[in-house]
Amino acid sequence: MTRTCTRSLLLALCLALPAGCGISPPTHYHALSRPDDALPASGQARMLVEILPVAVPESLTRSNLVLTDEAGRVTVMESERWLSPIGDELRQILSDGLWKTARASDTYQAPVSGSAVTLPLFRLAVRLDRFEAVPGRAAMIDASWTLRRLPDGAVQGCRWAGRQPVDGRDAAAAAATLSAASRRLADRIGDSLRHVAAGQGLPCPDESR
C-alpha cells in the first residue's frame, strides 16, 4: 500500500471514529431558564421572600444531563451539559416565577429584618427529590417546599410530583421539557405563596395540575 493510500485510509478512519483520533464531539449546553422568561421591567413588590438555595440529591449535582431509557437504564451524557448547577438554575426560575405570579421580590442576596419593612416577609425552602427525563416519553420532577412568614410564623409545607410528555428523543427535547416542568413547579409554589400571604392556609397542588 502506498503512503498516499495509507494517509487516505487513516483520514477516513478519523472521520468515521472521531473519538479514536483525539477529536471529541462538541459539547452542547442547556439552560432551564429561557430568553422569554425575562422579568417585567417595572413593578412594585407586594411581598418579600427569602428563597434559600435549592437542596438537591448528590446524584443531581453533576453538570451532565442524565437521561433514562424506557428500560430504566441511566446514561450520563458526556457532551450534553447544564449551563449552571441544577439547583442554581431552578432557584433562578423560582425567583423569576414568584415575581411574575405573586410580585414577590427575592431577598436572599439582600436580607432584610422583618421589623424594617412593611411588606409581608416569607422564607421559602425547596428540596428537589426527582429530576428525570425519558426521551420520547416523559420528564418527571418531584419536589417539596416549606413556607414560613417571618419572623415567627408557623412552617407550612407541600409536595408536588409533575409529569410532562417529551416531544422528541434527543437531549435537547429532554432538557426543554425539564425546563417547562420546572416552570410549572414555580407556578405551583407561587400559588401557595399567594394563599399563605392572604391568610388562606397552604393549598397543596395535586399531581394533575
C-alpha atoms as a PDB file:
ATOM      1  CA  MET A   1       0.000   0.000   0.000  1.00  0.00           C
ATOM      2  CA  THR A   2       1.415   3.397  -0.920  1.00  0.00           C
ATOM      3  CA  ARG A   3       1.988   6.209   1.598  1.00  0.00           C
ATOM      4  CA  THR A   4      -0.786   8.247  -0.040  1.00  0.00           C
ATOM      5  CA  CYS A   5      -3.245   5.379   0.300  1.00  0.00           C
ATOM      6  CA  THR A   6      -2.236   4.847   3.925  1.00  0.00           C
ATOM      7  CA  ARG A   7      -2.823   8.526   4.783  1.00  0.00           C
ATOM      8  CA  SER A   8      -6.173   8.461   2.992  1.00  0.00           C
ATOM      9  CA  LEU A   9      -7.226   5.382   4.939  1.00  0.00           C
ATOM     10  CA  LEU A  10      -6.222   6.972   8.267  1.00  0.00           C
ATOM     11  CA  LEU A  11      -8.134  10.147   7.409  1.00  0.00           C
ATOM     12  CA  ALA A  12     -11.225   8.118   6.564  1.00  0.00           C
ATOM     13  CA  LEU A  13     -10.952   6.272   9.875  1.00  0.00           C
ATOM     14  CA  CYS A  14     -10.603   9.551  11.779  1.00  0.00           C
ATOM     15  CA  LEU A  15     -13.718  10.949  10.144  1.00  0.00           C
ATOM     16  CA  ALA A  16     -15.649   7.789  10.955  1.00  0.00           C
ATOM     17  CA  LEU A  17     -14.319   7.449  14.528  1.00  0.00           C
ATOM     18  CA  PRO A  18     -13.653  10.969  15.840  1.00  0.00           C
ATOM     19  CA  ALA A  19     -13.120   9.849  19.438  1.00  0.00           C
ATOM     20  CA  GLY A  20     -10.422   7.409  18.348  1.00  0.00           C
ATOM     21  CA  CYS A  21      -8.437  10.181  16.645  1.00  0.00           C
ATOM     22  CA  GLY A  22      -8.485  12.549  19.609  1.00  0.00           C
ATOM     23  CA  ILE A  23     -11.439  14.608  18.339  1.00  0.00           C
ATOM     24  CA  SER A  24     -14.217  14.886  20.943  1.00  0.00           C
ATOM     25  CA  PRO A  25     -17.819  15.552  19.950  1.00  0.00           C
ATOM     26  CA  PRO A  26     -18.872  19.166  20.549  1.00  0.00           C
ATOM     27  CA  THR A  27     -20.340  19.968  23.954  1.00  0.00           C
ATOM     28  CA  HIS A  28     -23.886  21.332  23.976  1.00  0.00           C
ATOM     29  CA  TYR A  29     -25.109  23.441  26.903  1.00  0.00           C
ATOM     30  CA  HIS A  30     -28.706  23.619  28.079  1.00  0.00           C
ATOM     31  CA  ALA A  31     -30.444  26.012  30.470  1.00  0.00           C
ATOM     32  CA  LEU A  32     -33.614  25.584  32.484  1.00  0.00           C
ATOM     33  CA  SER A  33     -34.472  29.268  32.048  1.00  0.00           C
ATOM     34  CA  ARG A  34     -35.420  30.648  28.624  1.00  0.00           C
ATOM     35  CA  PRO A  35     -34.903  34.062  26.983  1.00  0.00           C
ATOM     36  CA  ASP A  36     -38.659  34.755  27.159  1.00  0.00           C
ATOM     37  CA  ASP A  37     -38.552  34.227  30.933  1.00  0.00           C
ATOM     38  CA  ALA A  38     -37.179  37.780  31.312  1.00  0.00           C
ATOM     39  CA  LEU A  39     -38.769  39.721  34.161  1.00  0.00           C
ATOM     40  CA  PRO A  40     -41.050  42.696  33.600  1.00  0.00           C
ATOM     41  CA  ALA A  41     -39.006  45.892  33.548  1.00  0.00           C
ATOM     42  CA  SER A  42     -41.015  47.595  36.269  1.00  0.00           C
ATOM     43  CA  GLY A  43     -43.482  46.948  39.040  1.00  0.00           C
ATOM     44  CA  GLN A  44     -43.853  47.284  42.774  1.00  0.00           C
ATOM     45  CA  ALA A  45     -43.314  44.341  45.094  1.00  0.00           C
ATOM     46  CA  ARG A  46     -46.306  43.138  47.088  1.00  0.00           C
ATOM     47  CA  MET A  47     -44.306  40.869  49.365  1.00  0.00           C
ATOM     48  CA  LEU A  48     -40.744  39.779  50.077  1.00  0.00           C
ATOM     49  CA  VAL A  49     -39.482  36.206  50.068  1.00  0.00           C
ATOM     50  CA  GLU A  50     -36.109  34.805  51.066  1.00  0.00           C
ATOM     51  CA  ILE A  51     -35.570  31.941  48.610  1.00  0.00           C
ATOM     52  CA  LEU A  52     -32.988  29.636  50.152  1.00  0.00           C
ATOM     53  CA  PRO A  53     -30.605  27.611  47.930  1.00  0.00           C
ATOM     54  CA  VAL A  54     -32.449  24.605  46.492  1.00  0.00           C
ATOM     55  CA  ALA A  55     -31.479  21.309  48.124  1.00  0.00           C
ATOM     56  CA  VAL A  56     -30.701  18.619  45.548  1.00  0.00           C
ATOM     57  CA  PRO A  57     -29.607  14.975  45.897  1.00  0.00           C
ATOM     58  CA  GLU A  58     -25.944  14.185  45.348  1.00  0.00           C
ATOM     59  CA  SER A  59     -26.815  12.437  42.079  1.00  0.00           C
ATOM     60  CA  LEU A  60     -28.058  15.738  40.625  1.00  0.00           C
ATOM     61  CA  THR A  61     -25.007  17.837  41.461  1.00  0.00           C
ATOM     62  CA  ARG A  62     -23.201  16.891  38.217  1.00  0.00           C
ATOM     63  CA  SER A  63     -23.287  19.231  35.215  1.00  0.00           C
ATOM     64  CA  ASN A  64     -24.041  16.441  32.711  1.00  0.00           C
ATOM     65  CA  LEU A  65     -27.557  15.677  31.579  1.00  0.00           C
ATOM     66  CA  VAL A  66     -28.616  12.288  32.917  1.00  0.00           C
ATOM     67  CA  LEU A  67     -31.223  10.530  30.794  1.00  0.00           C
ATOM     68  CA  THR A  68     -33.165   7.341  31.446  1.00  0.00           C
ATOM     69  CA  ASP A  69     -34.306   4.965  28.700  1.00  0.00           C
ATOM     70  CA  GLU A  70     -37.576   3.055  28.610  1.00  0.00           C
ATOM     71  CA  ALA A  71     -35.940   0.031  30.250  1.00  0.00           C
ATOM     72  CA  GLY A  72     -34.793   2.147  33.205  1.00  0.00           C
ATOM     73  CA  ARG A  73     -31.122   2.306  32.187  1.00  0.00           C
ATOM     74  CA  VAL A  74     -29.393   5.561  33.090  1.00  0.00           C
ATOM     75  CA  THR A  75     -26.999   7.310  30.700  1.00  0.00           C
ATOM     76  CA  VAL A  76     -24.727  10.191  31.674  1.00  0.00           C
ATOM     77  CA  MET A  77     -24.446  12.409  28.584  1.00  0.00           C
ATOM     78  CA  GLU A  78     -20.807  13.491  28.396  1.00  0.00           C
ATOM     79  CA  SER A  79     -21.324  16.104  25.663  1.00  0.00           C
ATOM     80  CA  GLU A  80     -24.709  17.416  26.924  1.00  0.00           C
ATOM     81  CA  ARG A  81     -24.392  19.669  29.952  1.00  0.00           C
ATOM     82  CA  TRP A  82     -26.345  22.141  32.044  1.00  0.00           C
ATOM     83  CA  LEU A  83     -25.170  25.724  31.795  1.00  0.00           C
ATOM     84  CA  SER A  84     -25.214  26.050  35.596  1.00  0.00           C
ATOM     85  CA  PRO A  85     -25.802  23.641  38.506  1.00  0.00           C
ATOM     86  CA  ILE A  86     -29.393  22.401  38.524  1.00  0.00           C
ATOM     87  CA  GLY A  87     -30.033  23.836  41.995  1.00  0.00           C
ATOM     88  CA  ASP A  88     -28.873  27.302  40.892  1.00  0.00           C
ATOM     89  CA  GLU A  89     -30.912  27.180  37.683  1.00  0.00           C
ATOM     90  CA  LEU A  90     -34.050  26.075  39.499  1.00  0.00           C
ATOM     91  CA  ARG A  91     -33.623  28.745  42.153  1.00  0.00           C
ATOM     92  CA  GLN A  92     -33.433  31.404  39.408  1.00  0.00           C
ATOM     93  CA  ILE A  93     -36.636  30.080  37.822  1.00  0.00           C
ATOM     94  CA  LEU A  94     -38.300  30.284  41.241  1.00  0.00           C
ATOM     95  CA  SER A  95     -37.094  33.839  41.775  1.00  0.00           C
ATOM     96  CA  ASP A  96     -38.336  34.956  38.349  1.00  0.00           C
ATOM     97  CA  GLY A  97     -41.576  32.987  38.619  1.00  0.00           C
ATOM     98  CA  LEU A  98     -42.529  34.291  42.067  1.00  0.00           C
ATOM     99  CA  TRP A  99     -42.030  37.845  40.875  1.00  0.00           C
ATOM    100  CA  LYS A 100     -44.288  37.236  37.868  1.00  0.00           C
ATOM    101  CA  THR A 101     -47.064  35.343  39.650  1.00  0.00           C
ATOM    102  CA  ALA A 102     -47.048  36.937  43.107  1.00  0.00           C
ATOM    103  CA  ARG A 103     -44.920  40.104  42.745  1.00  0.00           C
ATOM    104  CA  ALA A 104     -42.679  38.591  45.420  1.00  0.00           C
ATOM    105  CA  SER A 105     -39.188  40.069  45.490  1.00  0.00           C
ATOM    106  CA  ASP A 106     -36.326  37.710  46.387  1.00  0.00           C
ATOM    107  CA  THR A 107     -34.324  38.999  49.374  1.00  0.00           C
ATOM    108  CA  TYR A 108     -31.774  36.181  49.691  1.00  0.00           C
ATOM    109  CA  GLN A 109     -28.886  38.287  48.342  1.00  0.00           C
ATOM    110  CA  ALA A 110     -30.078  41.360  50.277  1.00  0.00           C
ATOM    111  CA  PRO A 111     -31.674  40.128  53.533  1.00  0.00           C
ATOM    112  CA  VAL A 112     -33.903  42.481  55.488  1.00  0.00           C
ATOM    113  CA  SER A 113     -35.257  42.416  59.010  1.00  0.00           C
ATOM    114  CA  GLY A 114     -38.955  41.786  59.491  1.00  0.00           C
ATOM    115  CA  SER A 115     -39.172  44.890  61.658  1.00  0.00           C
ATOM    116  CA  ALA A 116     -37.576  47.053  58.961  1.00  0.00           C
ATOM    117  CA  VAL A 117     -40.225  46.571  56.270  1.00  0.00           C
ATOM    118  CA  THR A 118     -43.973  46.952  55.972  1.00  0.00           C
ATOM    119  CA  LEU A 119     -44.408  44.288  53.282  1.00  0.00           C
ATOM    120  CA  PRO A 120     -45.091  40.656  54.278  1.00  0.00           C
ATOM    121  CA  LEU A 121     -41.820  38.749  54.566  1.00  0.00           C
ATOM    122  CA  PHE A 122     -41.535  34.977  53.952  1.00  0.00           C
ATOM    123  CA  ARG A 123     -38.859  32.308  53.820  1.00  0.00           C
ATOM    124  CA  LEU A 124     -39.048  29.598  51.163  1.00  0.00           C
ATOM    125  CA  ALA A 125     -37.076  26.349  51.261  1.00  0.00           C
ATOM    126  CA  VAL A 126     -37.295  23.918  48.321  1.00  0.00           C
ATOM    127  CA  ARG A 127     -35.985  20.367  48.051  1.00  0.00           C
ATOM    128  CA  LEU A 128     -35.697  18.639  44.684  1.00  0.00           C
ATOM    129  CA  ASP A 129     -36.090  14.860  45.001  1.00  0.00           C
ATOM    130  CA  ARG A 130     -36.516  13.770  41.383  1.00  0.00           C
ATOM    131  CA  PHE A 131     -35.379  15.391  38.150  1.00  0.00           C
ATOM    132  CA  GLU A 132     -35.583  12.812  35.397  1.00  0.00           C
ATOM    133  CA  ALA A 133     -36.330  12.576  31.695  1.00  0.00           C
ATOM    134  CA  VAL A 134     -37.043   9.615  29.425  1.00  0.00           C
ATOM    135  CA  PRO A 135     -36.623  10.871  25.830  1.00  0.00           C
ATOM    136  CA  GLY A 136     -39.728  10.230  23.758  1.00  0.00           C
ATOM    137  CA  ARG A 137     -41.827   9.609  26.857  1.00  0.00           C
ATOM    138  CA  ALA A 138     -41.884  11.993  29.828  1.00  0.00           C
ATOM    139  CA  ALA A 139     -39.995  14.254  32.202  1.00  0.00           C
ATOM    140  CA  MET A 140     -40.655  13.905  35.929  1.00  0.00           C
ATOM    141  CA  ILE A 141     -39.997  16.364  38.731  1.00  0.00           C
ATOM    142  CA  ASP A 142     -40.710  15.649  42.403  1.00  0.00           C
ATOM    143  CA  ALA A 143     -40.173  18.477  44.858  1.00  0.00           C
ATOM    144  CA  SER A 144     -41.253  19.615  48.303  1.00  0.00           C
ATOM    145  CA  TRP A 145     -41.209  23.048  49.863  1.00  0.00           C
ATOM    146  CA  THR A 146     -41.895  24.888  53.093  1.00  0.00           C
ATOM    147  CA  LEU A 147     -43.097  28.441  53.597  1.00  0.00           C
ATOM    148  CA  ARG A 148     -42.816  30.458  56.791  1.00  0.00           C
ATOM    149  CA  ARG A 149     -43.904  34.014  57.446  1.00  0.00           C
ATOM    150  CA  LEU A 150     -41.143  35.853  59.272  1.00  0.00           C
ATOM    151  CA  PRO A 151     -40.328  36.483  61.980  1.00  0.00           C
ATOM    152  CA  ASP A 152     -42.396  33.897  63.883  1.00  0.00           C
ATOM    153  CA  GLY A 153     -44.982  32.308  61.590  1.00  0.00           C
ATOM    154  CA  ALA A 154     -45.661  28.575  61.543  1.00  0.00           C
ATOM    155  CA  VAL A 155     -43.866  26.441  58.974  1.00  0.00           C
ATOM    156  CA  GLN A 156     -46.209  25.076  56.297  1.00  0.00           C
ATOM    157  CA  GLY A 157     -45.203  22.516  53.693  1.00  0.00           C
ATOM    158  CA  CYS A 158     -46.305  20.973  50.391  1.00  0.00           C
ATOM    159  CA  ARG A 159     -45.144  18.396  47.883  1.00  0.00           C
ATOM    160  CA  TRP A 160     -45.643  18.201  44.120  1.00  0.00           C
ATOM    161  CA  ALA A 161     -44.941  15.466  41.575  1.00  0.00           C
ATOM    162  CA  GLY A 162     -45.156  16.686  37.998  1.00  0.00           C
ATOM    163  CA  ARG A 163     -45.015  14.706  34.771  1.00  0.00           C
ATOM    164  CA  GLN A 164     -44.819  16.168  31.273  1.00  0.00           C
ATOM    165  CA  PRO A 165     -44.532  14.477  27.834  1.00  0.00           C
ATOM    166  CA  VAL A 166     -41.200  14.782  26.000  1.00  0.00           C
ATOM    167  CA  ASP A 167     -41.827  15.556  22.321  1.00  0.00           C
ATOM    168  CA  GLY A 168     -38.578  14.174  20.968  1.00  0.00           C
ATOM    169  CA  ARG A 169     -35.938  11.562  21.579  1.00  0.00           C
ATOM    170  CA  ASP A 170     -32.828  13.748  21.867  1.00  0.00           C
ATOM    171  CA  ALA A 171     -31.167  15.551  24.777  1.00  0.00           C
ATOM    172  CA  ALA A 172     -32.435  18.959  23.646  1.00  0.00           C
ATOM    173  CA  ALA A 173     -36.058  17.795  23.826  1.00  0.00           C
ATOM    174  CA  ALA A 174     -35.488  16.292  27.274  1.00  0.00           C
ATOM    175  CA  ALA A 175     -33.843  19.498  28.565  1.00  0.00           C
ATOM    176  CA  ALA A 176     -36.651  21.673  27.155  1.00  0.00           C
ATOM    177  CA  THR A 177     -39.298  19.534  28.848  1.00  0.00           C
ATOM    178  CA  LEU A 178     -37.485  19.594  32.185  1.00  0.00           C
ATOM    179  CA  SER A 179     -37.395  23.387  31.812  1.00  0.00           C
ATOM    180  CA  ALA A 180     -41.158  23.514  31.213  1.00  0.00           C
ATOM    181  CA  ALA A 181     -41.800  21.230  34.200  1.00  0.00           C
ATOM    182  CA  SER A 182     -39.587  23.462  36.370  1.00  0.00           C
ATOM    183  CA  ARG A 183     -41.713  26.479  35.453  1.00  0.00           C
ATOM    184  CA  ARG A 184     -44.840  24.514  36.386  1.00  0.00           C
ATOM    185  CA  LEU A 185     -43.256  23.857  39.780  1.00  0.00           C
ATOM    186  CA  ALA A 186     -42.558  27.582  40.180  1.00  0.00           C
ATOM    187  CA  ASP A 187     -46.213  28.325  39.347  1.00  0.00           C
ATOM    188  CA  ARG A 188     -47.422  25.862  41.997  1.00  0.00           C
ATOM    189  CA  ILE A 189     -45.141  27.435  44.601  1.00  0.00           C
ATOM    190  CA  GLY A 190     -46.344  30.892  43.551  1.00  0.00           C
ATOM    191  CA  ASP A 191     -49.961  29.790  44.072  1.00  0.00           C
ATOM    192  CA  SER A 192     -49.168  28.517  47.564  1.00  0.00           C
ATOM    193  CA  LEU A 193     -47.319  31.731  48.459  1.00  0.00           C
ATOM    194  CA  ARG A 194     -50.255  33.906  47.421  1.00  0.00           C
ATOM    195  CA  HIS A 195     -52.656  31.847  49.540  1.00  0.00           C
ATOM    196  CA  VAL A 196     -50.427  31.964  52.598  1.00  0.00           C
ATOM    197  CA  ALA A 197     -49.943  35.720  52.184  1.00  0.00           C
ATOM    198  CA  ALA A 198     -53.721  36.120  52.061  1.00  0.00           C
ATOM    199  CA  GLY A 199     -54.101  34.136  55.288  1.00  0.00           C
ATOM    200  CA  GLN A 200     -55.864  31.252  53.497  1.00  0.00           C
ATOM    201  CA  GLY A 201     -53.542  28.461  54.551  1.00  0.00           C
ATOM    202  CA  LEU A 202     -51.337  26.410  52.264  1.00  0.00           C
ATOM    203  CA  PRO A 203     -53.252  24.598  49.477  1.00  0.00           C
ATOM    204  CA  CYS A 204     -51.052  21.761  48.234  1.00  0.00           C
ATOM    205  CA  PRO A 205     -51.465  21.111  44.472  1.00  0.00           C
ATOM    206  CA  ASP A 206     -52.251  17.682  43.112  1.00  0.00           C
ATOM    207  CA  GLU A 207     -50.142  15.939  40.502  1.00  0.00           C
ATOM    208  CA  SER A 208     -52.523  16.672  37.637  1.00  0.00           C
ATOM    209  CA  ARG A 209     -52.132  20.466  37.841  1.00  0.00           C
END
